[in-house]
Amino acid sequence: MTNLFADLPPAGAAEEVFATLAAAPGARIERIVSRGQASPPGFWYDQAEDEWVAVLAGAATLRFEDVPEPLDLGPGDHVLIAAGRRHRVERTADPTIWLAVHLARG
């Protein structure tokens, strides 16, 4: 057994920390810990798989290329990001703990 809130990286960590919690063909579940990180200027994620993400603790702002207004997320908020939908992380609180489920199309 492990705890989603245990073993967090130190405050001010330079990089987000990704930990795979479970994986099976076509699916992966991971914990992401952000410590104030954001996507680099001009960078957009454009993934080949669907991604469902939930904020467990902290706060974040996502921006989707096809929507003019950013999406603010807090604890308990979740969103399904369809494969190929360009998005970026505008900001994260320190810390923000995410739960992400990646689902292959097919």
PDB file of N, CA and C in Angstrom:
ATOM      1  N   MET A   1       0.835  -1.170   0.000  1.00  0.00           N
ATOM      2  CA  MET A   1       0.000   0.000   0.000  1.00  0.00           C
ATOM      3  C   MET A   1       0.884   1.238   0.000  1.00  0.00           C
ATOM      4  N   THR A   2       0.453   2.250  -0.722  1.00  0.00           N
ATOM      5  CA  THR A   2       1.127   3.548  -0.704  1.00  0.00           C
ATOM      6  C   THR A   2       0.071   4.632  -0.537  1.00  0.00           C
ATOM      7  N   ASN A   3       0.522   5.841  -0.266  1.00  0.00           N
ATOM      8  CA  ASN A   3      -0.369   6.966  -0.060  1.00  0.00           C
ATOM      9  C   ASN A   3      -0.060   8.027  -1.107  1.00  0.00           C
ATOM     10  N   LEU A   4      -1.089   8.552  -1.758  1.00  0.00           N
ATOM     11  CA  LEU A   4      -0.899   9.547  -2.806  1.00  0.00           C
ATOM     12  C   LEU A   4      -0.266  10.842  -2.310  1.00  0.00           C
ATOM     13  N   PHE A   5      -0.323  11.085  -0.996  1.00  0.00           N
ATOM     14  CA  PHE A   5       0.204  12.322  -0.434  1.00  0.00           C
ATOM     15  C   PHE A   5       1.557  12.127   0.260  1.00  0.00           C
ATOM     16  N   ALA A   6       2.114  10.931   0.167  1.00  0.00           N
ATOM     17  CA  ALA A   6       3.403  10.632   0.810  1.00  0.00           C
ATOM     18  C   ALA A   6       4.552  10.843  -0.172  1.00  0.00           C
ATOM     19  N   ASP A   7       5.730  11.045   0.378  1.00  0.00           N
ATOM     20  CA  ASP A   7       6.968  11.137  -0.414  1.00  0.00           C
ATOM     21  C   ASP A   7       6.893  12.199  -1.507  1.00  0.00           C
ATOM     22  N   LEU A   8       6.450  13.381  -1.145  1.00  0.00           N
ATOM     23  CA  LEU A   8       6.388  14.481  -2.110  1.00  0.00           C
ATOM     24  C   LEU A   8       7.785  15.046  -2.328  1.00  0.00           C
ATOM     25  N   PRO A   9       8.057  15.516  -3.547  1.00  0.00           N
ATOM     26  CA  PRO A   9       9.348  16.175  -3.780  1.00  0.00           C
ATOM     27  C   PRO A   9       9.426  17.453  -2.953  1.00  0.00           C
ATOM     28  N   PRO A  10      10.626  17.934  -2.688  1.00  0.00           N
ATOM     29  CA  PRO A  10      10.770  19.129  -1.849  1.00  0.00           C
ATOM     30  C   PRO A  10      10.191  20.379  -2.515  1.00  0.00           C
ATOM     31  N   ALA A  11       9.780  21.329  -1.684  1.00  0.00           N
ATOM     32  CA  ALA A  11       9.288  22.613  -2.185  1.00  0.00           C
ATOM     33  C   ALA A  11      10.336  23.229  -3.096  1.00  0.00           C
ATOM     34  N   GLY A  12       9.869  23.859  -4.155  1.00  0.00           N
ATOM     35  CA  GLY A  12      10.779  24.522  -5.073  1.00  0.00           C
ATOM     36  C   GLY A  12      11.487  23.588  -6.032  1.00  0.00           C
ATOM     37  N   ALA A  13      11.068  22.321  -6.115  1.00  0.00           N
ATOM     38  CA  ALA A  13      11.690  21.376  -7.059  1.00  0.00           C
ATOM     39  C   ALA A  13      11.622  21.948  -8.477  1.00  0.00           C
ATOM     40  N   ALA A  14      12.682  21.755  -9.225  1.00  0.00           N
ATOM     41  CA  ALA A  14      12.779  22.337 -10.566  1.00  0.00           C
ATOM     42  C   ALA A  14      11.839  21.678 -11.571  1.00  0.00           C
ATOM     43  N   GLU A  15      11.553  20.400 -11.392  1.00  0.00           N
ATOM     44  CA  GLU A  15      10.747  19.641 -12.356  1.00  0.00           C
ATOM     45  C   GLU A  15       9.539  19.033 -11.673  1.00  0.00           C
ATOM     46  N   GLU A  16       8.482  18.842 -12.451  1.00  0.00           N
ATOM     47  CA  GLU A  16       7.365  18.047 -11.965  1.00  0.00           C
ATOM     48  C   GLU A  16       7.840  16.607 -11.796  1.00  0.00           C
ATOM     49  N   VAL A  17       7.200  15.885 -10.881  1.00  0.00           N
ATOM     50  CA  VAL A  17       7.570  14.490 -10.641  1.00  0.00           C
ATOM     51  C   VAL A  17       6.393  13.603 -11.040  1.00  0.00           C
ATOM     52  N   PHE A  18       6.658  12.665 -11.947  1.00  0.00           N
ATOM     53  CA  PHE A  18       5.658  11.739 -12.459  1.00  0.00           C
ATOM     54  C   PHE A  18       5.956  10.358 -11.902  1.00  0.00           C
ATOM     55  N   ALA A  19       4.939   9.687 -11.331  1.00  0.00           N
ATOM     56  CA  ALA A  19       5.106   8.339 -10.805  1.00  0.00           C
ATOM     57  C   ALA A  19       3.978   7.469 -11.345  1.00  0.00           C
ATOM     58  N   THR A  20       4.333   6.401 -12.055  1.00  0.00           N
ATOM     59  CA  THR A  20       3.330   5.464 -12.552  1.00  0.00           C
ATOM     60  C   THR A  20       2.858   4.605 -11.386  1.00  0.00           C
ATOM     61  N   LEU A  21       1.555   4.612 -11.152  1.00  0.00           N
ATOM     62  CA  LEU A  21       0.963   3.852 -10.054  1.00  0.00           C
ATOM     63  C   LEU A  21       0.464   2.485 -10.522  1.00  0.00           C
ATOM     64  N   ALA A  22      -0.009   2.431 -11.755  1.00  0.00           N
ATOM     65  CA  ALA A  22      -0.501   1.175 -12.330  1.00  0.00           C
ATOM     66  C   ALA A  22      -0.503   1.315 -13.844  1.00  0.00           C
ATOM     67  N   ALA A  23      -0.296   0.189 -14.519  1.00  0.00           N
ATOM     68  CA  ALA A  23      -0.311   0.201 -15.978  1.00  0.00           C
ATOM     69  C   ALA A  23      -0.813  -1.143 -16.483  1.00  0.00           C
ATOM     70  N   ALA A  24      -1.508  -1.087 -17.589  1.00  0.00           N
ATOM     71  CA  ALA A  24      -2.009  -2.275 -18.278  1.00  0.00           C
ATOM     72  C   ALA A  24      -2.059  -1.908 -19.757  1.00  0.00           C
ATOM     73  N   PRO A  25      -2.186  -2.890 -20.627  1.00  0.00           N
ATOM     74  CA  PRO A  25      -2.267  -2.541 -22.051  1.00  0.00           C
ATOM     75  C   PRO A  25      -3.372  -1.506 -22.297  1.00  0.00           C
ATOM     76  N   GLY A  26      -2.991  -0.383 -22.864  1.00  0.00           N
ATOM     77  CA  GLY A  26      -3.941   0.662 -23.203  1.00  0.00           C
ATOM     78  C   GLY A  26      -4.288   1.637 -22.091  1.00  0.00           C
ATOM     79  N   ALA A  27      -3.705   1.467 -20.902  1.00  0.00           N
ATOM     80  CA  ALA A  27      -4.040   2.370 -19.797  1.00  0.00           C
ATOM     81  C   ALA A  27      -2.843   2.544 -18.865  1.00  0.00           C
ATOM     82  N   ARG A  28      -2.734   3.749 -18.311  1.00  0.00           N
ATOM     83  CA  ARG A  28      -1.684   4.053 -17.332  1.00  0.00           C
ATOM     84  C   ARG A  28      -2.250   5.057 -16.336  1.00  0.00           C
ATOM     85  N   ILE A  29      -2.008   4.822 -15.055  1.00  0.00           N
ATOM     86  CA  ILE A  29      -2.433   5.736 -14.001  1.00  0.00           C
ATOM     87  C   ILE A  29      -1.170   6.297 -13.360  1.00  0.00           C
ATOM     88  N   GLU A  30      -1.122   7.623 -13.214  1.00  0.00           N
ATOM     89  CA  GLU A  30       0.063   8.214 -12.604  1.00  0.00           C
ATOM     90  C   GLU A  30      -0.303   9.340 -11.657  1.00  0.00           C
ATOM     91  N   ARG A  31       0.591   9.533 -10.696  1.00  0.00           N
ATOM     92  CA  ARG A  31       0.520  10.696  -9.817  1.00  0.00           C
ATOM     93  C   ARG A  31       1.525  11.700 -10.356  1.00  0.00           C
ATOM     94  N   ILE A  32       1.089  12.943 -10.439  1.00  0.00           N
ATOM     95  CA  ILE A  32       1.959  14.031 -10.858  1.00  0.00           C
ATOM     96  C   ILE A  32       2.007  15.035  -9.708  1.00  0.00           C
ATOM     97  N   VAL A  33       3.208  15.434  -9.320  1.00  0.00           N
ATOM     98  CA  VAL A  33       3.354  16.460  -8.295  1.00  0.00           C
ATOM     99  C   VAL A  33       4.014  17.673  -8.946  1.00  0.00           C
ATOM    100  N   SER A  34       3.292  18.784  -8.902  1.00  0.00           N
ATOM    101  CA  SER A  34       3.792  20.054  -9.431  1.00  0.00           C
ATOM    102  C   SER A  34       4.135  20.953  -8.260  1.00  0.00           C
ATOM    103  N   ARG A  35       5.218  21.686  -8.398  1.00  0.00           N
ATOM    104  CA  ARG A  35       5.663  22.614  -7.363  1.00  0.00           C
ATOM    105  C   ARG A  35       5.811  24.007  -7.965  1.00  0.00           C
ATOM    106  N   GLY A  36       4.713  24.490  -8.588  1.00  0.00           N
ATOM    107  CA  GLY A  36       4.736  25.818  -9.181  1.00  0.00           C
ATOM    108  C   GLY A  36       5.139  25.817 -10.651  1.00  0.00           C
ATOM    109  N   GLN A  37       5.296  24.650 -11.258  1.00  0.00           N
ATOM    110  CA  GLN A  37       5.699  24.588 -12.659  1.00  0.00           C
ATOM    111  C   GLN A  37       4.541  24.982 -13.590  1.00  0.00           C
ATOM    112  N   ALA A  38       4.914  25.358 -14.798  1.00  0.00           N
ATOM    113  CA  ALA A  38       3.978  25.662 -15.882  1.00  0.00           C
ATOM    114  C   ALA A  38       4.636  25.220 -17.178  1.00  0.00           C
ATOM    115  N   SER A  39       3.829  25.082 -18.221  1.00  0.00           N
ATOM    116  CA  SER A  39       4.385  24.749 -19.534  1.00  0.00           C
ATOM    117  C   SER A  39       5.260  25.902 -20.019  1.00  0.00           C
ATOM    118  N   PRO A  40       6.338  25.594 -20.735  1.00  0.00           N
ATOM    119  CA  PRO A  40       7.173  26.668 -21.277  1.00  0.00           C
ATOM    120  C   PRO A  40       6.375  27.542 -22.250  1.00  0.00           C
ATOM    121  N   PRO A  41       6.736  28.806 -22.391  1.00  0.00           N
ATOM    122  CA  PRO A  41       6.037  29.694 -23.325  1.00  0.00           C
ATOM    123  C   PRO A  41       5.983  29.080 -24.728  1.00  0.00           C
ATOM    124  N   GLY A  42       4.794  29.109 -25.316  1.00  0.00           N
ATOM    125  CA  GLY A  42       4.623  28.605 -26.676  1.00  0.00           C
ATOM    126  C   GLY A  42       4.486  27.094 -26.796  1.00  0.00           C
ATOM    127  N   PHE A  43       4.668  26.355 -25.689  1.00  0.00           N
ATOM    128  CA  PHE A  43       4.588  24.891 -25.737  1.00  0.00           C
ATOM    129  C   PHE A  43       3.149  24.434 -25.538  1.00  0.00           C
ATOM    130  N   TRP A  44       2.726  23.452 -26.353  1.00  0.00           N
ATOM    131  CA  TRP A  44       1.404  22.836 -26.233  1.00  0.00           C
ATOM    132  C   TRP A  44       1.569  21.324 -26.185  1.00  0.00           C
ATOM    133  N   TYR A  45       0.902  20.679 -25.222  1.00  0.00           N
ATOM    134  CA  TYR A  45       0.806  19.218 -25.240  1.00  0.00           C
ATOM    135  C   TYR A  45      -0.141  18.836 -26.362  1.00  0.00           C
ATOM    136  N   ASP A  46       0.207  17.781 -27.097  1.00  0.00           N
ATOM    137  CA  ASP A  46      -0.635  17.246 -28.164  1.00  0.00           C
ATOM    138  C   ASP A  46      -0.455  15.735 -28.124  1.00  0.00           C
ATOM    139  N   GLN A  47      -1.248  15.077 -27.303  1.00  0.00           N
ATOM    140  CA  GLN A  47      -1.042  13.671 -26.970  1.00  0.00           C
ATOM    141  C   GLN A  47      -1.847  12.745 -27.867  1.00  0.00           C
ATOM    142  N   ALA A  48      -1.338  11.545 -28.053  1.00  0.00           N
ATOM    143  CA  ALA A  48      -1.992  10.529 -28.881  1.00  0.00           C
ATOM    144  C   ALA A  48      -3.031   9.732 -28.099  1.00  0.00           C
ATOM    145  N   GLU A  49      -3.111   9.959 -26.788  1.00  0.00           N
ATOM    146  CA  GLU A  49      -4.048   9.212 -25.955  1.00  0.00           C
ATOM    147  C   GLU A  49      -4.957  10.184 -25.213  1.00  0.00           C
ATOM    148  N   ASP A  50      -6.141   9.702 -24.821  1.00  0.00           N
ATOM    149  CA  ASP A  50      -7.008  10.487 -23.959  1.00  0.00           C
ATOM    150  C   ASP A  50      -6.363  10.560 -22.578  1.00  0.00           C
ATOM    151  N   GLU A  51      -6.586  11.663 -21.877  1.00  0.00           N
ATOM    152  CA  GLU A  51      -6.065  11.809 -20.521  1.00  0.00           C
ATOM    153  C   GLU A  51      -7.145  12.412 -19.636  1.00  0.00           C
ATOM    154  N   TRP A  52      -7.484  11.683 -18.584  1.00  0.00           N
ATOM    155  CA  TRP A  52      -8.385  12.200 -17.558  1.00  0.00           C
ATOM    156  C   TRP A  52      -7.503  12.641 -16.406  1.00  0.00           C
ATOM    157  N   VAL A  53      -7.650  13.893 -15.963  1.00  0.00           N
ATOM    158  CA  VAL A  53      -6.838  14.359 -14.845  1.00  0.00           C
ATOM    159  C   VAL A  53      -7.734  14.967 -13.787  1.00  0.00           C
ATOM    160  N   ALA A  54      -7.336  14.733 -12.533  1.00  0.00           N
ATOM    161  CA  ALA A  54      -8.032  15.298 -11.385  1.00  0.00           C
ATOM    162  C   ALA A  54      -7.006  15.959 -10.480  1.00  0.00           C
ATOM    163  N   VAL A  55      -7.376  17.094  -9.919  1.00  0.00           N
ATOM    164  CA  VAL A  55      -6.539  17.748  -8.924  1.00  0.00           C
ATOM    165  C   VAL A  55      -6.976  17.213  -7.559  1.00  0.00           C
ATOM    166  N   LEU A  56      -6.040  16.588  -6.862  1.00  0.00           N
ATOM    167  CA  LEU A  56      -6.321  16.064  -5.528  1.00  0.00           C
ATOM    168  C   LEU A  56      -6.045  17.101  -4.444  1.00  0.00           C
ATOM    169  N   ALA A  57      -5.018  17.913  -4.664  1.00  0.00           N
ATOM    170  CA  ALA A  57      -4.636  18.961  -3.721  1.00  0.00           C
ATOM    171  C   ALA A  57      -3.968  20.083  -4.515  1.00  0.00           C
ATOM    172  N   GLY A  58      -4.111  21.302  -4.025  1.00  0.00           N
ATOM    173  CA  GLY A  58      -3.489  22.436  -4.703  1.00  0.00           C
ATOM    174  C   GLY A  58      -4.434  23.069  -5.710  1.00  0.00           C
ATOM    175  N   ALA A  59      -3.858  23.667  -6.740  1.00  0.00           N
ATOM    176  CA  ALA A  59      -4.639  24.353  -7.763  1.00  0.00           C
ATOM    177  C   ALA A  59      -3.809  24.457  -9.036  1.00  0.00           C
ATOM    178  N   ALA A  60      -4.504  24.549 -10.148  1.00  0.00           N
ATOM    179  CA  ALA A  60      -3.821  24.664 -11.438  1.00  0.00           C
ATOM    180  C   ALA A  60      -4.729  25.392 -12.422  1.00  0.00           C
ATOM    181  N   THR A  61      -4.113  25.942 -13.440  1.00  0.00           N
ATOM    182  CA  THR A  61      -4.860  26.544 -14.540  1.00  0.00           C
ATOM    183  C   THR A  61      -4.413  25.879 -15.829  1.00  0.00           C
ATOM    184  N   LEU A  62      -5.376  25.325 -16.560  1.00  0.00           N
ATOM    185  CA  LEU A  62      -5.119  24.738 -17.879  1.00  0.00           C
ATOM    186  C   LEU A  62      -5.640  25.684 -18.939  1.00  0.00           C
ATOM    187  N   ARG A  63      -4.982  25.672 -20.077  1.00  0.00           N
ATOM    188  CA  ARG A  63      -5.473  26.423 -21.232  1.00  0.00           C
ATOM    189  C   ARG A  63      -5.566  25.451 -22.398  1.00  0.00           C
ATOM    190  N   PHE A  64      -6.696  25.523 -23.100  1.00  0.00           N
ATOM    191  CA  PHE A  64      -6.901  24.724 -24.301  1.00  0.00           C
ATOM    192  C   PHE A  64      -6.823  25.646 -25.500  1.00  0.00           C
ATOM    193  N   GLU A  65      -6.167  25.196 -26.549  1.00  0.00           N
ATOM    194  CA  GLU A  65      -5.971  26.025 -27.726  1.00  0.00           C
ATOM    195  C   GLU A  65      -7.307  26.430 -28.357  1.00  0.00           C
ATOM    196  N   ASP A  66      -8.333  25.579 -28.228  1.00  0.00           N
ATOM    197  CA  ASP A  66      -9.612  25.828 -28.890  1.00  0.00           C
ATOM    198  C   ASP A  66     -10.636  26.565 -28.016  1.00  0.00           C
ATOM    199  N   VAL A  67     -10.218  27.020 -26.830  1.00  0.00           N
ATOM    200  CA  VAL A  67     -11.130  27.735 -25.921  1.00  0.00           C
ATOM    201  C   VAL A  67     -10.428  29.015 -25.472  1.00  0.00           C
ATOM    202  N   PRO A  68     -11.101  30.169 -25.569  1.00  0.00           N
ATOM    203  CA  PRO A  68     -10.410  31.419 -25.235  1.00  0.00           C
ATOM    204  C   PRO A  68     -10.096  31.601 -23.748  1.00  0.00           C
ATOM    205  N   GLU A  69     -10.939  31.080 -22.862  1.00  0.00           N
ATOM    206  CA  GLU A  69     -10.740  31.292 -21.432  1.00  0.00           C
ATOM    207  C   GLU A  69     -10.013  30.112 -20.794  1.00  0.00           C
ATOM    208  N   PRO A  70      -9.091  30.384 -19.860  1.00  0.00           N
ATOM    209  CA  PRO A  70      -8.408  29.289 -19.151  1.00  0.00           C
ATOM    210  C   PRO A  70      -9.373  28.577 -18.206  1.00  0.00           C
ATOM    211  N   LEU A  71      -8.995  27.382 -17.795  1.00  0.00           N
ATOM    212  CA  LEU A  71      -9.794  26.558 -16.897  1.00  0.00           C
ATOM    213  C   LEU A  71      -9.056  26.439 -15.568  1.00  0.00           C
ATOM    214  N   ASP A  72      -9.641  27.005 -14.519  1.00  0.00           N
ATOM    215  CA  ASP A  72      -9.051  26.923 -13.180  1.00  0.00           C
ATOM    216  C   ASP A  72      -9.549  25.658 -12.492  1.00  0.00           C
ATOM    217  N   LEU A  73      -8.622  24.888 -11.930  1.00  0.00           N
ATOM    218  CA  LEU A  73      -8.945  23.636 -11.255  1.00  0.00           C
ATOM    219  C   LEU A  73      -8.496  23.698  -9.810  1.00  0.00           C
ATOM    220  N   GLY A  74      -9.330  23.172  -8.921  1.00  0.00           N
ATOM    221  CA  GLY A  74      -8.990  23.047  -7.512  1.00  0.00           C
ATOM    222  C   GLY A  74      -9.249  21.626  -7.062  1.00  0.00           C
ATOM    223  N   PRO A  75      -9.061  21.338  -5.780  1.00  0.00           N
ATOM    224  CA  PRO A  75      -9.245  19.983  -5.281  1.00  0.00           C
ATOM    225  C   PRO A  75     -10.616  19.413  -5.649  1.00  0.00           C
ATOM    226  N   GLY A  76     -10.595  18.232  -6.235  1.00  0.00           N
ATOM    227  CA  GLY A  76     -11.810  17.555  -6.650  1.00  0.00           C
ATOM    228  C   GLY A  76     -12.215  17.822  -8.082  1.00  0.00           C
ATOM    229  N   ASP A  77     -11.657  18.864  -8.700  1.00  0.00           N
ATOM    230  CA  ASP A  77     -11.996  19.153 -10.097  1.00  0.00           C
ATOM    231  C   ASP A  77     -11.277  18.177 -11.022  1.00  0.00           C
ATOM    232  N   HIS A  78     -11.959  17.791 -12.099  1.00  0.00           N
ATOM    233  CA  HIS A  78     -11.351  16.871 -13.060  1.00  0.00           C
ATOM    234  C   HIS A  78     -11.834  17.210 -14.457  1.00  0.00           C
ATOM    235  N   VAL A  79     -11.058  16.775 -15.440  1.00  0.00           N
ATOM    236  CA  VAL A  79     -11.377  17.055 -16.839  1.00  0.00           C
ATOM    237  C   VAL A  79     -10.837  15.921 -17.708  1.00  0.00           C
ATOM    238  N   LEU A  80     -11.569  15.613 -18.762  1.00  0.00           N
ATOM    239  CA  LEU A  80     -11.108  14.641 -19.756  1.00  0.00           C
ATOM    240  C   LEU A  80     -10.540  15.424 -20.928  1.00  0.00           C
ATOM    241  N   ILE A  81      -9.287  15.163 -21.250  1.00  0.00           N
ATOM    242  CA  ILE A  81      -8.610  15.828 -22.362  1.00  0.00           C
ATOM    243  C   ILE A  81      -8.515  14.808 -23.490  1.00  0.00           C
ATOM    244  N   ALA A  82      -9.255  15.049 -24.556  1.00  0.00           N
ATOM    245  CA  ALA A  82      -9.285  14.113 -25.682  1.00  0.00           C
ATOM    246  C   ALA A  82      -7.944  14.083 -26.397  1.00  0.00           C
ATOM    247  N   ALA A  83      -7.604  12.931 -26.924  1.00  0.00           N
ATOM    248  CA  ALA A  83      -6.380  12.786 -27.725  1.00  0.00           C
ATOM    249  C   ALA A  83      -6.368  13.853 -28.811  1.00  0.00           C
ATOM    250  N   GLY A  84      -5.220  14.487 -29.004  1.00  0.00           N
ATOM    251  CA  GLY A  84      -5.067  15.487 -30.050  1.00  0.00           C
ATOM    252  C   GLY A  84      -5.560  16.879 -29.680  1.00  0.00           C
ATOM    253  N   ARG A  85      -6.157  17.047 -28.503  1.00  0.00           N
ATOM    254  CA  ARG A  85      -6.619  18.384 -28.091  1.00  0.00           C
ATOM    255  C   ARG A  85      -5.454  19.111 -27.439  1.00  0.00           C
ATOM    256  N   ARG A  86      -4.989  20.151 -28.115  1.00  0.00           N
ATOM    257  CA  ARG A  86      -3.812  20.875 -27.644  1.00  0.00           C
ATOM    258  C   ARG A  86      -4.139  21.670 -26.386  1.00  0.00           C
ATOM    259  N   HIS A  87      -3.244  21.506 -25.388  1.00  0.00           N
ATOM    260  CA  HIS A  87      -3.446  22.152 -24.094  1.00  0.00           C
ATOM    261  C   HIS A  87      -2.104  22.436 -23.448  1.00  0.00           C
ATOM    262  N   ARG A  88      -2.140  23.284 -22.438  1.00  0.00           N
ATOM    263  CA  ARG A  88      -0.932  23.627 -21.703  1.00  0.00           C
ATOM    264  C   ARG A  88      -1.294  23.926 -20.255  1.00  0.00           C
ATOM    265  N   VAL A  89      -0.306  23.851 -19.384  1.00  0.00           N
ATOM    266  CA  VAL A  89      -0.485  24.194 -17.978  1.00  0.00           C
ATOM    267  C   VAL A  89       0.001  25.634 -17.807  1.00  0.00           C
ATOM    268  N   GLU A  90      -0.916  26.514 -17.451  1.00  0.00           N
ATOM    269  CA  GLU A  90      -0.580  27.927 -17.287  1.00  0.00           C
ATOM    270  C   GLU A  90       0.083  28.201 -15.940  1.00  0.00           C
ATOM    271  N   ARG A  91      -0.379  27.495 -14.888  1.00  0.00           N
ATOM    272  CA  ARG A  91       0.203  27.688 -13.556  1.00  0.00           C
ATOM    273  C   ARG A  91      -0.191  26.520 -12.672  1.00  0.00           C
ATOM    274  N   THR A  92       0.609  26.290 -11.642  1.00  0.00           N
ATOM    275  CA  THR A  92       0.275  25.338 -10.583  1.00  0.00           C
ATOM    276  C   THR A  92       0.659  25.942  -9.244  1.00  0.00           C
ATOM    277  N   ALA A  93      -0.091  25.571  -8.215  1.00  0.00           N
ATOM    278  CA  ALA A  93       0.259  25.954  -6.849  1.00  0.00           C
ATOM    279  C   ALA A  93       1.379  25.030  -6.369  1.00  0.00           C
ATOM    280  N   ASP A  94       2.002  25.405  -5.282  1.00  0.00           N
ATOM    281  CA  ASP A  94       3.090  24.594  -4.708  1.00  0.00           C
ATOM    282  C   ASP A  94       2.643  24.080  -3.344  1.00  0.00           C
ATOM    283  N   PRO A  95       2.265  22.810  -3.226  1.00  0.00           N
ATOM    284  CA  PRO A  95       2.246  21.777  -4.263  1.00  0.00           C
ATOM    285  C   PRO A  95       0.855  21.603  -4.881  1.00  0.00           C
ATOM    286  N   THR A  96       0.846  21.016  -6.055  1.00  0.00           N
ATOM    287  CA  THR A  96      -0.381  20.523  -6.677  1.00  0.00           C
ATOM    288  C   THR A  96      -0.173  19.046  -6.937  1.00  0.00           C
ATOM    289  N   ILE A  97      -1.114  18.247  -6.480  1.00  0.00           N
ATOM    290  CA  ILE A  97      -1.047  16.800  -6.679  1.00  0.00           C
ATOM    291  C   ILE A  97      -2.173  16.406  -7.613  1.00  0.00           C
ATOM    292  N   TRP A  98      -1.782  15.793  -8.724  1.00  0.00           N
ATOM    293  CA  TRP A  98      -2.718  15.369  -9.765  1.00  0.00           C
ATOM    294  C   TRP A  98      -2.817  13.846  -9.773  1.00  0.00           C
ATOM    295  N   LEU A  99      -3.948  13.347 -10.199  1.00  0.00           N
ATOM    296  CA  LEU A  99      -4.104  11.948 -10.554  1.00  0.00           C
ATOM    297  C   LEU A  99      -4.477  11.941 -12.023  1.00  0.00           C
ATOM    298  N   ALA A 100      -3.687  11.233 -12.833  1.00  0.00           N
ATOM    299  CA  ALA A 100      -3.904  11.213 -14.282  1.00  0.00           C
ATOM    300  C   ALA A 100      -4.103   9.768 -14.747  1.00  0.00           C
ATOM    301  N   VAL A 101      -5.102   9.595 -15.610  1.00  0.00           N
ATOM    302  CA  VAL A 101      -5.357   8.292 -16.229  1.00  0.00           C
ATOM    303  C   VAL A 101      -5.222   8.491 -17.736  1.00  0.00           C
ATOM    304  N   HIS A 102      -4.291   7.782 -18.330  1.00  0.00           N
ATOM    305  CA  HIS A 102      -4.047   7.864 -19.771  1.00  0.00           C
ATOM    306  C   HIS A 102      -4.685   6.643 -20.424  1.00  0.00           C
ATOM    307  N   LEU A 103      -5.490   6.887 -21.450  1.00  0.00           N
ATOM    308  CA  LEU A 103      -6.231   5.812 -22.119  1.00  0.00           C
ATOM    309  C   LEU A 103      -5.918   5.825 -23.609  1.00  0.00           C
ATOM    310  N   ALA A 104      -5.370   4.729 -24.098  1.00  0.00           N
ATOM    311  CA  ALA A 104      -5.045   4.633 -25.526  1.00  0.00           C
ATOM    312  C   ALA A 104      -6.332   4.545 -26.333  1.00  0.00           C
ATOM    313  N   ARG A 105      -6.323   5.162 -27.462  1.00  0.00           N
ATOM    314  CA  ARG A 105      -7.451   5.050 -28.392  1.00  0.00           C
ATOM    315  C   ARG A 105      -7.314   3.765 -29.162  1.00  0.00           C
ATOM    316  N   GLY A 106      -8.410   3.168 -29.487  1.00  0.00           N
ATOM    317  CA  GLY A 106      -8.258   2.002 -30.328  1.00  0.00           C
ATOM    318  C   GLY A 106      -9.306   1.019 -30.170  1.00  0.00           C
TER     319      GLY A 106
END
